[in-house]
Amino acid sequence: MNAVRELTVMSREWCHLCHDLLEKLQPLAAELGWTIRVFDVDADPALEARWDELVPVVLAGDVELCHYHLDESAVRAYCGRFPLESAA
């Protein structure tokens, strides 16, 4: 059974920290075999109310891995708990 390996980034279009985090997260996620979904908190009042001053935020499901800056070790530690399944 293949688990969904997706990281969620709460972001803002105009946020330079968001762009920096995504630029660093993309190659890491690709290396680890995870996808990234980005949500613009300004497009949804509920997301803005929840994440407003914390963006950018990297989530794995309901688990907050980091915010403001990429914590590569936290992302690696979390993603490492879900190794890629072999084709065997």
Protein backbone atom coordinates (compact mmCIF):
# COMPACT_ATOMS: atom_id res chain seq x y z
CA MET A 1 0.00 0.00 0.00
CA ASN A 2 1.46 3.35 -1.04
CA ALA A 3 1.12 6.15 1.51
CA VAL A 4 0.65 9.69 0.28
CA ARG A 5 3.94 11.45 0.74
CA GLU A 6 2.99 15.10 0.56
CA LEU A 7 4.27 18.17 2.34
CA THR A 8 2.00 21.19 2.60
CA VAL A 9 3.35 24.72 2.61
CA MET A 10 1.22 27.57 3.91
CA SER A 11 2.49 30.54 1.98
CA ARG A 12 1.81 34.02 0.65
CA GLU A 13 2.44 35.15 -2.91
CA TRP A 14 4.28 38.31 -1.83
CA CYS A 15 6.33 36.72 0.96
CA HIS A 16 10.08 36.51 0.28
CA LEU A 17 10.57 34.03 3.17
CA CYS A 18 7.95 31.82 1.51
CA HIS A 19 9.76 31.91 -1.82
CA ASP A 20 13.11 31.18 -0.13
CA LEU A 21 11.67 28.25 1.83
CA LEU A 22 10.04 26.72 -1.26
CA GLU A 23 13.25 27.11 -3.28
CA LYS A 24 15.12 25.09 -0.64
CA LEU A 25 12.32 22.59 0.04
CA GLN A 26 11.72 21.57 -3.59
CA PRO A 27 15.01 19.72 -4.17
CA LEU A 28 14.84 18.15 -0.70
CA ALA A 29 11.30 16.88 -1.28
CA ALA A 30 12.32 15.50 -4.68
CA GLU A 31 15.31 13.72 -3.14
CA LEU A 32 13.09 12.15 -0.48
CA GLY A 33 10.31 11.22 -2.91
CA TRP A 34 7.71 13.60 -1.49
CA THR A 35 5.47 16.08 -3.30
CA ILE A 36 4.66 19.62 -2.22
CA ARG A 37 1.27 21.31 -2.17
CA VAL A 38 1.24 25.08 -1.64
CA PHE A 39 -1.69 27.01 -0.20
CA ASP A 40 -1.92 30.81 -0.31
CA VAL A 41 -3.27 31.75 3.13
CA ASP A 42 -4.51 35.08 1.77
CA ALA A 43 -6.91 33.23 -0.54
CA ASP A 44 -8.81 31.61 2.35
CA PRO A 45 -9.97 33.52 5.46
CA ALA A 46 -9.81 30.37 7.61
CA LEU A 47 -6.21 29.65 6.57
CA GLU A 48 -5.25 33.28 7.10
CA ALA A 49 -6.82 33.27 10.57
CA ARG A 50 -4.95 30.08 11.52
CA TRP A 51 -1.52 30.68 9.95
CA ASP A 52 -1.34 34.47 9.49
CA GLU A 53 1.96 35.47 11.11
CA LEU A 54 3.54 32.00 11.02
CA VAL A 55 3.95 31.69 7.26
CA PRO A 56 5.72 30.08 5.67
CA VAL A 57 4.79 26.86 7.44
CA VAL A 58 5.72 23.33 6.33
CA LEU A 59 3.22 20.67 7.36
CA ALA A 60 3.09 16.91 6.98
CA GLY A 61 -0.57 16.18 7.55
CA ASP A 62 -1.34 17.87 10.87
CA VAL A 63 2.31 17.91 11.98
CA GLU A 64 4.04 21.30 11.81
CA LEU A 65 7.63 20.65 10.75
CA CYS A 66 8.88 24.22 10.60
CA HIS A 67 7.91 27.81 9.98
CA TYR A 68 9.65 30.99 8.76
CA HIS A 69 12.73 29.05 7.58
CA LEU A 70 13.26 25.51 6.34
CA ASP A 71 14.39 23.14 9.06
CA GLU A 72 15.96 20.53 6.81
CA SER A 73 16.78 18.18 9.68
CA ALA A 74 13.16 18.21 10.90
CA VAL A 75 11.88 17.48 7.38
CA ARG A 76 14.43 14.69 6.88
CA ALA A 77 13.62 13.17 10.28
CA TYR A 78 9.88 13.18 9.61
CA CYS A 79 10.11 11.92 6.02
CA GLY A 80 12.62 9.25 7.07
CA ARG A 81 9.89 7.61 9.12
CA PHE A 82 8.17 6.71 5.84
CA PRO A 83 10.75 4.99 3.63
CA LEU A 84 10.02 4.51 -0.04
CA GLU A 85 8.59 1.10 -0.76
CA SER A 86 10.57 -1.13 -3.07
CA ALA A 87 9.07 -2.52 -6.23
CA ALA A 88 9.78 -6.07 -5.03
